[in-house]
Structure formats: C-alpha cells, structure tokens
Amino acid sequence: MGRPGRFNSTSARTCVATLLFGCVGVLAVTGCVSRTPLPDGEVTQATHDKADGWRLGVIVRLGAALPDPGTVDDDCRVALAPSVREASAFAEFAYRQGRRSRLRIVMIERDSAWSPGDEASIDLRDCQQAAVRNATPRSDAPSM
C-alpha cells in the first residue's frame, strides 16, 4: 500500500475502468430509448432508417395543387393501381439526397390534416408506404 498523498497507479486504473464501463452502460440505455415508438402511432426517426430508403421530407403542396400524374419525375401515383390511387391522398415532398434537394409525390393518410410545411418520413423504395408524420419538427429538414 502506498503512502498517503501519493499517486497510486492501481486506484487510477480502477477509476478509469469504472468510468469506461459507466459510459458504455449509459450509451447502451440511451440507444434503446431513442428507438421507442411514441403515442398515437407517431414514431421517431430512428425507426425509419436511411439505409432502408427513408428520408425526412417537408410538404411543398398537396391535393388539387399537385400536377397531373406522370408529369413529375418521382411520382408514386404512377406506380399504384388506379383503385389505390383513387382511394388515397397525395402530397409533394421536398427531401435531400446527398447534397441535392429533390421532390417526390407520396401517399399520405387521407383523413389526416396535412398542410404545406409539415415534416414526415418518406420511403424512397416503396410507393405503397404512406408518409409518416414526424412527432417533433427537426432542424435538418429540407426547406421548401
């Protein structure tokens, strides 16, 4: 045992190990919490992974203000059956892909109150997926 007031390398290693395991534990717990679904069917961005084709988008226009199907490069209305198209509502979203801003027309919930400027997660790989409204506005959302 060392003299009082002197540096003890064994206690320093114990302190560092305790701190390291404590940080790892906190990170493990907070990682699980960030993927928790929110009330009323709203979900966090973490559940809609970018690697799976999901992007954060902002509504530019919707309803009667949309152009005719097939006149926009990225239009999910064209990929859907006519019966699905007639029974659904759609909105045009601005989103980012890399450094470029893009537009895409995506299905939205018909009975939900949407308006220009609303943020949602949109699936770039599956036109059958309706946009999912974000629970809280995000600062990294594309501008309109």
Foldseek 3Di string as FASTA:
>chain_A
DDDPPDDDVVVVVVVVVVVVVVVVVVVVVVVVVQQDQDPPRATAVVVVDVVQQKWKWFFPFWDPPDDDPPPFPAELLVVDDPVVSVVWTWTWIWTDDPNDIDIHIATAHPPDDDDGGFMFMDGSPDRVDGTHGHPDDDPPYDDD
